[in-house]
PDB file of N, CA and C in Angstrom:
ATOM      1  N   UNK A   1       5.488  -5.000  -4.140  1.00  0.00           N
ATOM      2  CA  UNK A   1       6.165  -5.440  -5.502  1.00  0.00           C
ATOM      3  C   UNK A   1       7.374  -4.632  -5.752  1.00  0.00           C
ATOM      4  N   UNK A   2       8.706  -4.380  -6.052  1.00  0.00           N
ATOM      5  CA  UNK A   2       9.449  -3.900  -6.708  1.00  0.00           C
ATOM      6  C   UNK A   2       9.722  -3.057  -7.336  1.00  0.00           C
ATOM      7  N   UNK A   3      10.191  -1.942  -7.606  1.00  0.00           N
ATOM      8  CA  UNK A   3      10.518  -0.789  -8.787  1.00  0.00           C
ATOM      9  C   UNK A   3      10.401  -1.735 -10.219  1.00  0.00           C
ATOM     10  N   UNK A   4      11.636  -2.517 -10.384  1.00  0.00           N
ATOM     11  CA  UNK A   4      11.804  -3.421 -11.569  1.00  0.00           C
ATOM     12  C   UNK A   4      10.232  -3.850 -11.966  1.00  0.00           C
ATOM     13  N   UNK A   5       9.603  -5.026 -11.118  1.00  0.00           N
ATOM     14  CA  UNK A   5       8.554  -5.770 -11.541  1.00  0.00           C
ATOM     15  C   UNK A   5       7.192  -4.510 -12.202  1.00  0.00           C
ATOM     16  N   UNK A   6       7.580  -3.691 -11.612  1.00  0.00           N
ATOM     17  CA  UNK A   6       6.363  -2.315 -11.840  1.00  0.00           C
ATOM     18  C   UNK A   6       6.901  -1.679 -13.149  1.00  0.00           C
ATOM     19  N   UNK A   7       8.027  -1.846 -13.675  1.00  0.00           N
ATOM     20  CA  UNK A   7       8.290  -1.469 -14.782  1.00  0.00           C
ATOM     21  C   UNK A   7       8.123  -2.862 -15.746  1.00  0.00           C
ATOM     22  N   UNK A   8       8.499  -3.904 -15.480  1.00  0.00           N
ATOM     23  CA  UNK A   8       8.508  -4.972 -16.523  1.00  0.00           C
ATOM     24  C   UNK A   8       6.945  -5.178 -16.874  1.00  0.00           C
ATOM     25  N   UNK A   9       5.977  -4.334 -16.076  1.00  0.00           N
ATOM     26  CA  UNK A   9       4.531  -5.001 -16.623  1.00  0.00           C
ATOM     27  C   UNK A   9       4.155  -3.917 -17.135  1.00  0.00           C
ATOM     28  N   UNK A  10       4.886  -2.990 -17.422  1.00  0.00           N
ATOM     29  CA  UNK A  10       4.333  -1.758 -18.044  1.00  0.00           C
ATOM     30  C   UNK A  10       4.762  -2.307 -19.618  1.00  0.00           C
ATOM     31  N   UNK A  11       4.014  -1.747 -21.111  1.00  0.00           N
ATOM     32  CA  UNK A  11       3.865  -2.398 -22.063  1.00  0.00           C
ATOM     33  C   UNK A  11       3.871  -1.156 -22.712  1.00  0.00           C
ATOM     34  N   UNK A  12       4.848  -1.077 -23.456  1.00  0.00           N
ATOM     35  CA  UNK A  12       5.369   0.302 -24.484  1.00  0.00           C
ATOM     36  C   UNK A  12       6.001  -0.035 -25.874  1.00  0.00           C
ATOM     37  N   UNK A  13       5.969   0.576 -26.352  1.00  0.00           N
ATOM     38  CA  UNK A  13       6.474   0.308 -27.996  1.00  0.00           C
ATOM     39  C   UNK A  13       7.888   0.039 -28.071  1.00  0.00           C
ATOM     40  N   UNK A  14       8.088  -0.808 -28.406  1.00  0.00           N
ATOM     41  CA  UNK A  14       9.975  -0.970 -28.548  1.00  0.00           C
ATOM     42  C   UNK A  14      10.939  -0.123 -28.675  1.00  0.00           C
ATOM     43  N   UNK A  15      10.663   0.702 -29.868  1.00  0.00           N
ATOM     44  CA  UNK A  15      11.165   2.035 -30.125  1.00  0.00           C
ATOM     45  C   UNK A  15      11.543   2.595 -28.889  1.00  0.00           C
ATOM     46  N   UNK A  16      10.147   2.938 -28.834  1.00  0.00           N
ATOM     47  CA  UNK A  16      10.089   4.014 -27.085  1.00  0.00           C
ATOM     48  C   UNK A  16      10.887   3.558 -25.709  1.00  0.00           C
ATOM     49  N   UNK A  17      10.915   2.679 -25.653  1.00  0.00           N
ATOM     50  CA  UNK A  17      11.027   1.404 -24.386  1.00  0.00           C
ATOM     51  C   UNK A  17      12.849   1.936 -24.665  1.00  0.00           C
ATOM     52  N   UNK A  18      13.346   1.338 -26.434  1.00  0.00           N
ATOM     53  CA  UNK A  18      14.632   1.350 -26.602  1.00  0.00           C
ATOM     54  C   UNK A  18      15.548   2.610 -25.995  1.00  0.00           C
ATOM     55  N   UNK A  19      14.845   3.436 -26.989  1.00  0.00           N
ATOM     56  CA  UNK A  19      15.461   5.281 -26.793  1.00  0.00           C
ATOM     57  C   UNK A  19      15.482   5.180 -25.445  1.00  0.00           C
ATOM     58  N   UNK A  20      14.340   4.967 -24.735  1.00  0.00           N
ATOM     59  CA  UNK A  20      14.563   5.232 -22.642  1.00  0.00           C
ATOM     60  C   UNK A  20      15.689   4.947 -22.467  1.00  0.00           C
ATOM     61  N   UNK A  21      15.919   3.687 -22.985  1.00  0.00           N
ATOM     62  CA  UNK A  21      17.389   2.553 -21.813  1.00  0.00           C
ATOM     63  C   UNK A  21      18.322   3.455 -21.884  1.00  0.00           C
ATOM     64  N   UNK A  22      18.197   3.471 -23.737  1.00  0.00           N
ATOM     65  CA  UNK A  22      19.868   4.711 -24.231  1.00  0.00           C
ATOM     66  C   UNK A  22      20.069   6.197 -23.379  1.00  0.00           C
ATOM     67  N   UNK A  23      19.001   6.899 -23.083  1.00  0.00           N
ATOM     68  CA  UNK A  23      18.850   8.629 -22.435  1.00  0.00           C
ATOM     69  C   UNK A  23      19.062   7.733 -21.028  1.00  0.00           C
ATOM     70  N   UNK A  24      18.875   6.939 -20.489  1.00  0.00           N
ATOM     71  CA  UNK A  24      18.799   6.774 -18.922  1.00  0.00           C
ATOM     72  C   UNK A  24      20.520   6.794 -18.794  1.00  0.00           C
ATOM     73  N   UNK A  25      21.037   5.787 -19.166  1.00  0.00           N
ATOM     74  CA  UNK A  25      22.856   5.872 -18.829  1.00  0.00           C
ATOM     75  C   UNK A  25      23.328   7.138 -19.788  1.00  0.00           C
ATOM     76  N   UNK A  26      22.738   8.185 -19.737  1.00  0.00           N
ATOM     77  CA  UNK A  26      23.240  10.109 -19.309  1.00  0.00           C
ATOM     78  C   UNK A  26      22.033  10.202 -18.654  1.00  0.00           C
ATOM     79  N   UNK A  27      21.363   9.506 -17.696  1.00  0.00           N
ATOM     80  CA  UNK A  27      20.453   9.719 -16.482  1.00  0.00           C
ATOM     81  C   UNK A  27      21.012  10.851 -15.538  1.00  0.00           C
ATOM     82  N   UNK A  28      20.484  11.926 -15.313  1.00  0.00           N
ATOM     83  CA  UNK A  28      21.578  13.260 -13.835  1.00  0.00           C
ATOM     84  C   UNK A  28      20.291  13.324 -13.101  1.00  0.00           C
ATOM     85  N   UNK A  29      19.519  13.213 -11.861  1.00  0.00           N
ATOM     86  CA  UNK A  29      18.390  12.792 -10.910  1.00  0.00           C
ATOM     87  C   UNK A  29      18.420  14.448 -10.944  1.00  0.00           C
ATOM     88  N   UNK A  30      18.883  15.337 -10.865  1.00  0.00           N
ATOM     89  CA  UNK A  30      18.888  17.004 -10.770  1.00  0.00           C
ATOM     90  C   UNK A  30      18.323  17.658 -11.774  1.00  0.00           C
ATOM     91  N   UNK A  31      18.843  17.630 -12.887  1.00  0.00           N
ATOM     92  CA  UNK A  31      18.680  17.543 -13.604  1.00  0.00           C
ATOM     93  C   UNK A  31      17.764  17.566 -14.783  1.00  0.00           C
ATOM     94  N   UNK A  32      17.183  15.993 -14.620  1.00  0.00           N
ATOM     95  CA  UNK A  32      15.937  15.194 -15.686  1.00  0.00           C
ATOM     96  C   UNK A  32      14.740  14.885 -14.951  1.00  0.00           C
ATOM     97  N   UNK A  33      15.087  15.243 -13.754  1.00  0.00           N
ATOM     98  CA  UNK A  33      13.843  15.519 -12.485  1.00  0.00           C
ATOM     99  C   UNK A  33      12.965  16.864 -12.946  1.00  0.00           C
ATOM    100  N   UNK A  34      13.699  17.759 -13.118  1.00  0.00           N
ATOM    101  CA  UNK A  34      13.287  19.406 -13.340  1.00  0.00           C
ATOM    102  C   UNK A  34      12.782  19.362 -14.268  1.00  0.00           C
ATOM    103  N   UNK A  35      13.335  18.410 -15.546  1.00  0.00           N
ATOM    104  CA  UNK A  35      12.983  18.639 -16.692  1.00  0.00           C
ATOM    105  C   UNK A  35      11.901  17.989 -16.512  1.00  0.00           C
ATOM    106  N   UNK A  36      12.033  16.898 -16.620  1.00  0.00           N
ATOM    107  CA  UNK A  36      10.700  15.412 -17.009  1.00  0.00           C
ATOM    108  C   UNK A  36       9.461  15.641 -16.154  1.00  0.00           C
ATOM    109  N   UNK A  37       9.689  17.182 -14.980  1.00  0.00           N
ATOM    110  CA  UNK A  37       8.009  16.799 -13.515  1.00  0.00           C
ATOM    111  C   UNK A  37       8.084  17.813 -13.739  1.00  0.00           C
ATOM    112  N   UNK A  38       9.042  19.293 -14.014  1.00  0.00           N
ATOM    113  CA  UNK A  38       9.177  20.416 -13.167  1.00  0.00           C
ATOM    114  C   UNK A  38       9.836  20.707 -12.130  1.00  0.00           C
ATOM    115  N   UNK A  39       9.669  19.640 -11.124  1.00  0.00           N
ATOM    116  CA  UNK A  39       9.911  19.896  -9.645  1.00  0.00           C
ATOM    117  C   UNK A  39      10.885  18.270  -9.130  1.00  0.00           C
ATOM    118  N   UNK A  40      11.217  18.268  -8.473  1.00  0.00           N
ATOM    119  CA  UNK A  40      12.716  17.347  -7.961  1.00  0.00           C
ATOM    120  C   UNK A  40      11.813  16.775  -6.756  1.00  0.00           C
ATOM    121  N   UNK A  41      11.238  15.736  -6.701  1.00  0.00           N
ATOM    122  CA  UNK A  41      10.248  15.452  -5.215  1.00  0.00           C
ATOM    123  C   UNK A  41      11.575  14.674  -4.798  1.00  0.00           C
ATOM    124  N   UNK A  42      10.685  14.712  -3.136  1.00  0.00           N
ATOM    125  CA  UNK A  42      11.727  13.699  -2.523  1.00  0.00           C
ATOM    126  C   UNK A  42      11.825  12.593  -3.159  1.00  0.00           C
ATOM    127  N   UNK A  43      13.049  11.679  -2.705  1.00  0.00           N
ATOM    128  CA  UNK A  43      13.504  10.722  -2.949  1.00  0.00           C
ATOM    129  C   UNK A  43      11.868   9.698  -2.653  1.00  0.00           C
ATOM    130  N   UNK A  44      11.598   9.406  -1.948  1.00  0.00           N
ATOM    131  CA  UNK A  44      10.444   8.310  -1.638  1.00  0.00           C
ATOM    132  C   UNK A  44       8.913   8.529  -2.908  1.00  0.00           C
ATOM    133  N   UNK A  45       8.751   9.709  -3.025  1.00  0.00           N
ATOM    134  CA  UNK A  45       7.885   9.912  -4.396  1.00  0.00           C
ATOM    135  C   UNK A  45       8.449   9.908  -5.508  1.00  0.00           C
ATOM    136  N   UNK A  46       9.722  10.093  -5.584  1.00  0.00           N
ATOM    137  CA  UNK A  46      10.025   9.948  -6.800  1.00  0.00           C
ATOM    138  C   UNK A  46       9.246   8.671  -7.933  1.00  0.00           C
ATOM    139  N   UNK A  47       9.417   7.832  -7.838  1.00  0.00           N
ATOM    140  CA  UNK A  47       8.953   6.633  -8.747  1.00  0.00           C
ATOM    141  C   UNK A  47       7.384   6.904  -8.599  1.00  0.00           C
ATOM    142  N   UNK A  48       6.319   6.790  -7.506  1.00  0.00           N
ATOM    143  CA  UNK A  48       4.823   7.369  -7.987  1.00  0.00           C
ATOM    144  C   UNK A  48       4.649   8.024  -9.081  1.00  0.00           C
ATOM    145  N   UNK A  49       5.205   9.332  -8.499  1.00  0.00           N
ATOM    146  CA  UNK A  49       5.190  10.784  -8.864  1.00  0.00           C
ATOM    147  C   UNK A  49       5.727  10.327 -10.885  1.00  0.00           C
ATOM    148  N   UNK A  50       6.628   9.904 -11.052  1.00  0.00           N
ATOM    149  CA  UNK A  50       7.299   9.390 -12.742  1.00  0.00           C
ATOM    150  C   UNK A  50       5.942   8.667 -13.276  1.00  0.00           C
ATOM    151  N   UNK A  51       6.022   7.250 -12.490  1.00  0.00           N
ATOM    152  CA  UNK A  51       4.777   6.689 -13.107  1.00  0.00           C
ATOM    153  C   UNK A  51       3.690   7.165 -13.419  1.00  0.00           C
ATOM    154  N   UNK A  52       3.353   8.082 -12.196  1.00  0.00           N
ATOM    155  CA  UNK A  52       1.748   8.737 -13.296  1.00  0.00           C
ATOM    156  C   UNK A  52       2.265   9.929 -14.005  1.00  0.00           C
ATOM    157  N   UNK A  53       3.455  10.595 -13.767  1.00  0.00           N
ATOM    158  CA  UNK A  53       2.812  11.324 -15.238  1.00  0.00           C
ATOM    159  C   UNK A  53       3.232  10.532 -16.655  1.00  0.00           C
ATOM    160  N   UNK A  54       4.076   8.908 -16.420  1.00  0.00           N
ATOM    161  CA  UNK A  54       4.237   8.390 -17.496  1.00  0.00           C
ATOM    162  C   UNK A  54       2.940   7.812 -17.847  1.00  0.00           C
ATOM    163  N   UNK A  55       2.158   7.119 -17.156  1.00  0.00           N
ATOM    164  CA  UNK A  55       0.703   7.083 -17.193  1.00  0.00           C
ATOM    165  C   UNK A  55       0.199   8.266 -18.262  1.00  0.00           C
ATOM    166  N   UNK A  56       0.249   8.794 -18.115  1.00  0.00           N
ATOM    167  CA  UNK A  56      -0.852  10.544 -18.512  1.00  0.00           C
ATOM    168  C   UNK A  56       0.199  10.557 -19.292  1.00  0.00           C
ATOM    169  N   UNK A  57       1.437  10.142 -19.700  1.00  0.00           N
ATOM    170  CA  UNK A  57       2.097  10.283 -21.416  1.00  0.00           C
ATOM    171  C   UNK A  57       1.075   9.077 -22.367  1.00  0.00           C
ATOM    172  N   UNK A  58       1.183   8.109 -21.981  1.00  0.00           N
ATOM    173  CA  UNK A  58       0.993   6.687 -22.225  1.00  0.00           C
ATOM    174  C   UNK A  58      -0.682   7.326 -22.626  1.00  0.00           C
ATOM    175  N   UNK A  59      -1.112   7.973 -22.247  1.00  0.00           N
ATOM    176  CA  UNK A  59      -2.640   8.037 -22.521  1.00  0.00           C
ATOM    177  C   UNK A  59      -2.764   8.870 -23.612  1.00  0.00           C
ATOM    178  N   UNK A  60      -2.118   9.743 -23.217  1.00  0.00           N
ATOM    179  CA  UNK A  60      -1.566  10.714 -24.440  1.00  0.00           C
ATOM    180  C   UNK A  60      -1.465   9.977 -25.705  1.00  0.00           C
ATOM    181  N   UNK A  61      -0.527   9.421 -25.586  1.00  0.00           N
ATOM    182  CA  UNK A  61       0.396   8.566 -26.901  1.00  0.00           C
ATOM    183  C   UNK A  61      -0.879   8.180 -27.598  1.00  0.00           C
ATOM    184  N   UNK A  62      -1.764   7.162 -26.512  1.00  0.00           N
ATOM    185  CA  UNK A  62      -3.170   6.003 -27.139  1.00  0.00           C
ATOM    186  C   UNK A  62      -3.896   6.675 -27.753  1.00  0.00           C
ATOM    187  N   UNK A  63      -4.541   7.859 -27.151  1.00  0.00           N
ATOM    188  CA  UNK A  63      -5.819   8.751 -27.624  1.00  0.00           C
ATOM    189  C   UNK A  63      -4.704  10.421 -29.094  1.00  0.00           C
ATOM    190  N   UNK A  64      -3.503   9.990 -29.108  1.00  0.00           N
ATOM    191  CA  UNK A  64      -2.631  10.478 -30.644  1.00  0.00           C
ATOM    192  C   UNK A  64      -3.139  11.546 -29.941  1.00  0.00           C
ATOM    193  N   UNK A  65      -3.100  12.430 -29.037  1.00  0.00           N
ATOM    194  CA  UNK A  65      -3.637  13.860 -27.880  1.00  0.00           C
ATOM    195  C   UNK A  65      -2.594  14.728 -29.022  1.00  0.00           C
ATOM    196  N   UNK A  66      -3.116  15.757 -29.090  1.00  0.00           N
ATOM    197  CA  UNK A  66      -2.724  17.382 -29.787  1.00  0.00           C
ATOM    198  C   UNK A  66      -0.758  17.199 -28.917  1.00  0.00           C
ATOM    199  N   UNK A  67      -1.078  17.494 -27.560  1.00  0.00           N
ATOM    200  CA  UNK A  67      -0.120  17.571 -26.652  1.00  0.00           C
ATOM    201  C   UNK A  67       0.989  16.436 -26.459  1.00  0.00           C
ATOM    202  N   UNK A  68       0.552  15.445 -26.887  1.00  0.00           N
ATOM    203  CA  UNK A  68       1.732  14.496 -26.837  1.00  0.00           C
ATOM    204  C   UNK A  68       2.835  14.494 -27.152  1.00  0.00           C
ATOM    205  N   UNK A  69       3.874  14.629 -26.757  1.00  0.00           N
ATOM    206  CA  UNK A  69       5.659  14.586 -27.348  1.00  0.00           C
ATOM    207  C   UNK A  69       6.256  13.276 -26.304  1.00  0.00           C
ATOM    208  N   UNK A  70       6.760  12.866 -28.172  1.00  0.00           N
ATOM    209  CA  UNK A  70       8.005  11.683 -27.157  1.00  0.00           C
ATOM    210  C   UNK A  70       8.718  11.853 -26.941  1.00  0.00           C
ATOM    211  N   UNK A  71       9.221  13.130 -27.199  1.00  0.00           N
ATOM    212  CA  UNK A  71      10.891  13.343 -26.122  1.00  0.00           C
ATOM    213  C   UNK A  71      10.416  13.271 -25.321  1.00  0.00           C
ATOM    214  N   UNK A  72       9.172  13.731 -24.647  1.00  0.00           N
ATOM    215  CA  UNK A  72       8.784  13.912 -22.956  1.00  0.00           C
ATOM    216  C   UNK A  72       8.426  12.377 -22.633  1.00  0.00           C
ATOM    217  N   UNK A  73       7.716  11.355 -23.492  1.00  0.00           N
ATOM    218  CA  UNK A  73       7.441  10.464 -22.689  1.00  0.00           C
ATOM    219  C   UNK A  73       8.897   9.677 -22.602  1.00  0.00           C
ATOM    220  N   UNK A  74       9.421   9.904 -23.502  1.00  0.00           N
ATOM    221  CA  UNK A  74      11.004   9.059 -23.379  1.00  0.00           C
ATOM    222  C   UNK A  74      12.219   9.562 -22.208  1.00  0.00           C
ATOM    223  N   UNK A  75      11.658  10.680 -21.978  1.00  0.00           N
ATOM    224  CA  UNK A  75      12.571  11.483 -20.421  1.00  0.00           C
ATOM    225  C   UNK A  75      11.699  10.682 -19.408  1.00  0.00           C
ATOM    226  N   UNK A  76      10.557  10.362 -19.423  1.00  0.00           N
ATOM    227  CA  UNK A  76       9.518   9.961 -18.352  1.00  0.00           C
ATOM    228  C   UNK A  76      10.321   8.528 -18.108  1.00  0.00           C
ATOM    229  N   UNK A  77      10.214   7.938 -19.106  1.00  0.00           N
ATOM    230  CA  UNK A  77      10.804   6.393 -19.204  1.00  0.00           C
ATOM    231  C   UNK A  77      12.314   6.234 -18.665  1.00  0.00           C
ATOM    232  N   UNK A  78      12.541   6.839 -19.382  1.00  0.00           N
ATOM    233  CA  UNK A  78      14.684   6.972 -18.693  1.00  0.00           C
ATOM    234  C   UNK A  78      14.600   7.651 -17.593  1.00  0.00           C
ATOM    235  N   UNK A  79      14.301   8.433 -16.728  1.00  0.00           N
ATOM    236  CA  UNK A  79      13.974   9.198 -15.537  1.00  0.00           C
ATOM    237  C   UNK A  79      13.706   6.967 -14.758  1.00  0.00           C
ATOM    238  N   UNK A  80      12.332   6.662 -14.715  1.00  0.00           N
ATOM    239  CA  UNK A  80      12.155   5.774 -14.462  1.00  0.00           C
ATOM    240  C   UNK A  80      12.918   4.399 -14.231  1.00  0.00           C
ATOM    241  N   UNK A  81      13.381   3.737 -15.918  1.00  0.00           N
ATOM    242  CA  UNK A  81      14.352   3.393 -15.812  1.00  0.00           C
ATOM    243  C   UNK A  81      15.342   3.872 -14.249  1.00  0.00           C
ATOM    244  N   UNK A  82      16.642   4.598 -14.663  1.00  0.00           N
ATOM    245  CA  UNK A  82      17.469   5.341 -14.317  1.00  0.00           C
ATOM    246  C   UNK A  82      16.889   5.268 -12.233  1.00  0.00           C
ATOM    247  N   UNK A  83      15.804   5.389 -12.219  1.00  0.00           N
ATOM    248  CA  UNK A  83      15.500   5.779 -10.883  1.00  0.00           C
ATOM    249  C   UNK A  83      15.593   4.179  -9.878  1.00  0.00           C
ATOM    250  N   UNK A  84      14.644   3.127 -10.764  1.00  0.00           N
ATOM    251  CA  UNK A  84      14.633   2.115 -10.318  1.00  0.00           C
ATOM    252  C   UNK A  84      15.886   0.852 -10.453  1.00  0.00           C
ATOM    253  N   UNK A  85      16.810   1.299 -11.138  1.00  0.00           N
ATOM    254  CA  UNK A  85      17.997   0.503 -10.908  1.00  0.00           C
ATOM    255  C   UNK A  85      18.254   1.809  -9.421  1.00  0.00           C
ATOM    256  N   UNK A  86      18.707   2.941  -9.260  1.00  0.00           N
ATOM    257  CA  UNK A  86      19.276   3.665  -8.300  1.00  0.00           C
ATOM    258  C   UNK A  86      18.444   2.910  -7.158  1.00  0.00           C
ATOM    259  N   UNK A  87      17.297   2.730  -7.055  1.00  0.00           N
ATOM    260  CA  UNK A  87      16.797   2.056  -5.796  1.00  0.00           C
ATOM    261  C   UNK A  87      16.550   0.749  -5.649  1.00  0.00           C
ATOM    262  N   UNK A  88      17.006  -0.134  -6.687  1.00  0.00           N
ATOM    263  CA  UNK A  88      17.700  -1.493  -6.425  1.00  0.00           C
ATOM    264  C   UNK A  88      18.974  -1.734  -5.552  1.00  0.00           C
ATOM    265  N   UNK A  89      20.127  -0.236  -6.061  1.00  0.00           N
ATOM    266  CA  UNK A  89      21.479  -0.280  -5.142  1.00  0.00           C
ATOM    267  C   UNK A  89      21.284  -0.114  -3.810  1.00  0.00           C
ATOM    268  N   UNK A  90      20.390   1.455  -3.632  1.00  0.00           N
ATOM    269  CA  UNK A  90      20.064   1.491  -1.891  1.00  0.00           C
ATOM    270  C   UNK A  90      18.575   2.189  -1.935  1.00  0.00           C
ATOM    271  N   UNK A  91      17.989   0.949  -1.334  1.00  0.00           N
ATOM    272  CA  UNK A  91      16.397   0.881  -1.067  1.00  0.00           C
ATOM    273  C   UNK A  91      15.998   1.584  -0.320  1.00  0.00           C
ATOM    274  N   UNK A  92      15.207   2.538  -0.488  1.00  0.00           N
ATOM    275  CA  UNK A  92      14.282   3.797   0.273  1.00  0.00           C
ATOM    276  C   UNK A  92      13.618   3.158   1.096  1.00  0.00           C
ATOM    277  N   UNK A  93      13.960   3.969   2.763  1.00  0.00           N
ATOM    278  CA  UNK A  93      13.140   3.590   4.063  1.00  0.00           C
ATOM    279  C   UNK A  93      12.408   3.078   3.928  1.00  0.00           C
ATOM    280  N   UNK A  94      11.374   2.569   4.708  1.00  0.00           N
ATOM    281  CA  UNK A  94       9.882   2.840   4.627  1.00  0.00           C
ATOM    282  C   UNK A  94       9.692   3.849   5.679  1.00  0.00           C
TER     283      UNK A  94
END
């Protein structure tokens, strides 16, 4: 399954996705991955790591956890969108 297919299966509020798409336009991996994840994973691990972190943020959003941050969730989704686009242009070797 491609990164685009994986993203297409995510069901998130429209406003959250729109904000993430806009944020993805200004995405820079070195800066934004460290901010979103606290680390910069290897190229091979970036999408699985982002997906896991975004899934956790989505769980917090759905349960209305006090720890939920919409800004953090948007940054994770923006990174996912930008990294998926980047991997479509330049696939990671298996």
